[in-house]
Amino acid sequence: MKTYLSGSRKQVGTRMFCGLLVFLAMISLGFASPAFSGDIQKLKGVVEKISGKDIVLGGERYDVAGVPVKGVPGMRRSGATVRRGDKVELSLQDGKVIFLRNLGPVLQ
């Protein structure tokens, strides 16, 4: 009975190489899926105002309801921990905030 790994060393090496190419092709196709199609933009600024589920940065209002917030030490926190005067980094995809990173209060 022949198996995938039976045959000469050259044949086995060729089969393994072809298998590796197929595996890499499947991985690369997964990264080209529509879920990753939008470009992610980063925006840093100081929170000027917090109003309900919105924050104001540089005069622009951003909806941050349900957006994950990551704090300075790397610990996840709720959106309530963002305060006026905190420096934040917003990750925007197609004009919508998908992630908020609180960089801490600005020294004055």
C-alpha atoms as a PDB file:
ATOM      1  CA  MET A   1       0.000   0.000   0.000  1.00  0.00           C
ATOM      2  CA  LYS A   2       1.431   3.345  -1.035  1.00  0.00           C
ATOM      3  CA  THR A   3       1.088   6.372   1.177  1.00  0.00           C
ATOM      4  CA  TYR A   4       1.639  10.056   0.593  1.00  0.00           C
ATOM      5  CA  LEU A   5       5.152   9.789   2.023  1.00  0.00           C
ATOM      6  CA  SER A   6       6.159   6.664   0.111  1.00  0.00           C
ATOM      7  CA  GLY A   7       8.486   6.941  -2.850  1.00  0.00           C
ATOM      8  CA  SER A   8      11.928   8.375  -3.389  1.00  0.00           C
ATOM      9  CA  ARG A   9      13.210  11.283  -1.331  1.00  0.00           C
ATOM     10  CA  LYS A  10      12.841  13.572  -4.335  1.00  0.00           C
ATOM     11  CA  GLN A  11       9.168  12.642  -4.799  1.00  0.00           C
ATOM     12  CA  VAL A  12       8.416  13.107  -1.102  1.00  0.00           C
ATOM     13  CA  GLY A  13      10.184  16.483  -1.086  1.00  0.00           C
ATOM     14  CA  THR A  14       8.245  17.619  -4.153  1.00  0.00           C
ATOM     15  CA  ARG A  15       4.922  16.578  -2.580  1.00  0.00           C
ATOM     16  CA  MET A  16       5.752  18.372   0.667  1.00  0.00           C
ATOM     17  CA  PHE A  17       6.756  21.513  -1.231  1.00  0.00           C
ATOM     18  CA  CYS A  18       3.517  21.457  -3.261  1.00  0.00           C
ATOM     19  CA  GLY A  19       1.508  20.968  -0.056  1.00  0.00           C
ATOM     20  CA  LEU A  20       3.273  23.951   1.494  1.00  0.00           C
ATOM     21  CA  LEU A  21       2.469  26.113  -1.549  1.00  0.00           C
ATOM     22  CA  VAL A  22      -1.215  25.137  -1.380  1.00  0.00           C
ATOM     23  CA  PHE A  23      -1.280  25.910   2.354  1.00  0.00           C
ATOM     24  CA  LEU A  24       0.316  29.339   1.831  1.00  0.00           C
ATOM     25  CA  ALA A  25      -2.096  30.113  -1.005  1.00  0.00           C
ATOM     26  CA  MET A  26      -5.077  29.303   1.231  1.00  0.00           C
ATOM     27  CA  ILE A  27      -3.740  31.545   3.997  1.00  0.00           C
ATOM     28  CA  SER A  28      -3.106  34.457   1.644  1.00  0.00           C
ATOM     29  CA  LEU A  29      -6.606  34.164   0.176  1.00  0.00           C
ATOM     30  CA  GLY A  30      -8.039  34.346   3.698  1.00  0.00           C
ATOM     31  CA  PHE A  31      -6.348  37.704   4.280  1.00  0.00           C
ATOM     32  CA  ALA A  32      -7.870  39.119   1.097  1.00  0.00           C
ATOM     33  CA  SER A  33     -11.429  38.591   2.343  1.00  0.00           C
ATOM     34  CA  PRO A  34     -13.922  41.497   2.258  1.00  0.00           C
ATOM     35  CA  ALA A  35     -13.813  41.820   6.064  1.00  0.00           C
ATOM     36  CA  PHE A  36     -10.363  43.384   5.767  1.00  0.00           C
ATOM     37  CA  SER A  37     -11.015  45.442   2.644  1.00  0.00           C
ATOM     38  CA  GLY A  38     -11.379  48.882   4.288  1.00  0.00           C
ATOM     39  CA  ASP A  39      -8.310  50.879   5.210  1.00  0.00           C
ATOM     40  CA  ILE A  40      -7.884  51.597   8.902  1.00  0.00           C
ATOM     41  CA  GLN A  41      -6.968  55.185   9.747  1.00  0.00           C
ATOM     42  CA  LYS A  42      -5.508  56.343  13.053  1.00  0.00           C
ATOM     43  CA  LEU A  43      -6.452  59.674  14.602  1.00  0.00           C
ATOM     44  CA  LYS A  44      -4.893  61.087  17.780  1.00  0.00           C
ATOM     45  CA  GLY A  45      -6.213  63.991  19.772  1.00  0.00           C
ATOM     46  CA  VAL A  46      -7.341  65.345  23.120  1.00  0.00           C
ATOM     47  CA  VAL A  47     -10.941  64.753  24.185  1.00  0.00           C
ATOM     48  CA  GLU A  48     -12.593  68.187  24.227  1.00  0.00           C
ATOM     49  CA  LYS A  49     -16.073  67.071  25.255  1.00  0.00           C
ATOM     50  CA  ILE A  50     -17.966  63.902  26.148  1.00  0.00           C
ATOM     51  CA  SER A  51     -21.681  63.850  25.455  1.00  0.00           C
ATOM     52  CA  GLY A  52     -23.495  60.558  26.045  1.00  0.00           C
ATOM     53  CA  LYS A  53     -22.023  58.082  23.565  1.00  0.00           C
ATOM     54  CA  ASP A  54     -20.114  60.724  21.575  1.00  0.00           C
ATOM     55  CA  ILE A  55     -16.730  62.345  22.094  1.00  0.00           C
ATOM     56  CA  VAL A  56     -15.403  65.492  20.438  1.00  0.00           C
ATOM     57  CA  LEU A  57     -11.835  65.575  19.075  1.00  0.00           C
ATOM     58  CA  GLY A  58     -10.556  68.573  17.138  1.00  0.00           C
ATOM     59  CA  GLY A  59     -14.069  69.928  16.732  1.00  0.00           C
ATOM     60  CA  GLU A  60     -15.334  66.671  15.171  1.00  0.00           C
ATOM     61  CA  ARG A  61     -17.892  64.447  16.892  1.00  0.00           C
ATOM     62  CA  TYR A  62     -17.304  60.665  16.948  1.00  0.00           C
ATOM     63  CA  ASP A  63     -19.755  57.965  18.050  1.00  0.00           C
ATOM     64  CA  VAL A  64     -17.954  55.573  20.417  1.00  0.00           C
ATOM     65  CA  ALA A  65     -20.943  53.557  21.678  1.00  0.00           C
ATOM     66  CA  GLY A  66     -19.957  49.900  22.036  1.00  0.00           C
ATOM     67  CA  VAL A  67     -16.389  50.553  20.872  1.00  0.00           C
ATOM     68  CA  PRO A  68     -13.677  48.584  22.723  1.00  0.00           C
ATOM     69  CA  VAL A  69     -11.409  50.817  24.818  1.00  0.00           C
ATOM     70  CA  LYS A  70      -7.841  49.915  25.675  1.00  0.00           C
ATOM     71  CA  GLY A  71      -6.074  51.842  28.414  1.00  0.00           C
ATOM     72  CA  VAL A  72      -2.432  52.749  28.859  1.00  0.00           C
ATOM     73  CA  PRO A  73      -1.399  49.688  30.883  1.00  0.00           C
ATOM     74  CA  GLY A  74      -2.974  47.404  28.256  1.00  0.00           C
ATOM     75  CA  MET A  75      -6.049  46.626  30.319  1.00  0.00           C
ATOM     76  CA  ARG A  76      -9.493  46.773  28.708  1.00  0.00           C
ATOM     77  CA  ARG A  77     -11.828  49.298  30.285  1.00  0.00           C
ATOM     78  CA  SER A  78     -15.311  50.561  29.612  1.00  0.00           C
ATOM     79  CA  GLY A  79     -15.909  53.773  27.658  1.00  0.00           C
ATOM     80  CA  ALA A  80     -16.743  55.547  30.929  1.00  0.00           C
ATOM     81  CA  THR A  81     -13.024  55.699  31.765  1.00  0.00           C
ATOM     82  CA  VAL A  82     -12.384  58.207  28.963  1.00  0.00           C
ATOM     83  CA  ARG A  83     -12.483  61.698  30.423  1.00  0.00           C
ATOM     84  CA  ARG A  84     -12.292  65.219  29.095  1.00  0.00           C
ATOM     85  CA  GLY A  85      -8.621  66.129  28.648  1.00  0.00           C
ATOM     86  CA  ASP A  86      -7.473  62.553  27.939  1.00  0.00           C
ATOM     87  CA  LYS A  87      -5.333  61.972  24.863  1.00  0.00           C
ATOM     88  CA  VAL A  88      -6.874  59.204  22.759  1.00  0.00           C
ATOM     89  CA  GLU A  89      -6.151  57.367  19.534  1.00  0.00           C
ATOM     90  CA  LEU A  90      -9.138  56.398  17.401  1.00  0.00           C
ATOM     91  CA  SER A  91      -9.010  53.639  14.802  1.00  0.00           C
ATOM     92  CA  LEU A  92     -11.431  54.482  11.990  1.00  0.00           C
ATOM     93  CA  GLN A  93     -12.640  52.159   9.246  1.00  0.00           C
ATOM     94  CA  ASP A  94     -14.947  53.579   6.577  1.00  0.00           C
ATOM     95  CA  GLY A  95     -15.527  56.646   8.775  1.00  0.00           C
ATOM     96  CA  LYS A  96     -16.675  54.579  11.781  1.00  0.00           C
ATOM     97  CA  VAL A  97     -14.753  54.236  15.059  1.00  0.00           C
ATOM     98  CA  ILE A  98     -13.804  50.583  15.572  1.00  0.00           C
ATOM     99  CA  PHE A  99     -11.315  50.933  18.445  1.00  0.00           C
ATOM    100  CA  LEU A 100     -10.359  53.578  21.000  1.00  0.00           C
ATOM    101  CA  ARG A 101      -7.076  53.679  22.865  1.00  0.00           C
ATOM    102  CA  ASN A 102      -6.852  55.941  25.914  1.00  0.00           C
ATOM    103  CA  LEU A 103      -3.299  57.303  26.154  1.00  0.00           C
ATOM    104  CA  GLY A 104      -3.965  59.009  29.493  1.00  0.00           C
ATOM    105  CA  PRO A 105      -4.434  62.585  30.641  1.00  0.00           C
ATOM    106  CA  VAL A 106      -2.549  65.397  28.967  1.00  0.00           C
ATOM    107  CA  LEU A 107      -0.065  67.141  31.254  1.00  0.00           C
ATOM    108  CA  GLN A 108      -0.795  70.832  31.569  1.00  0.00           C
END
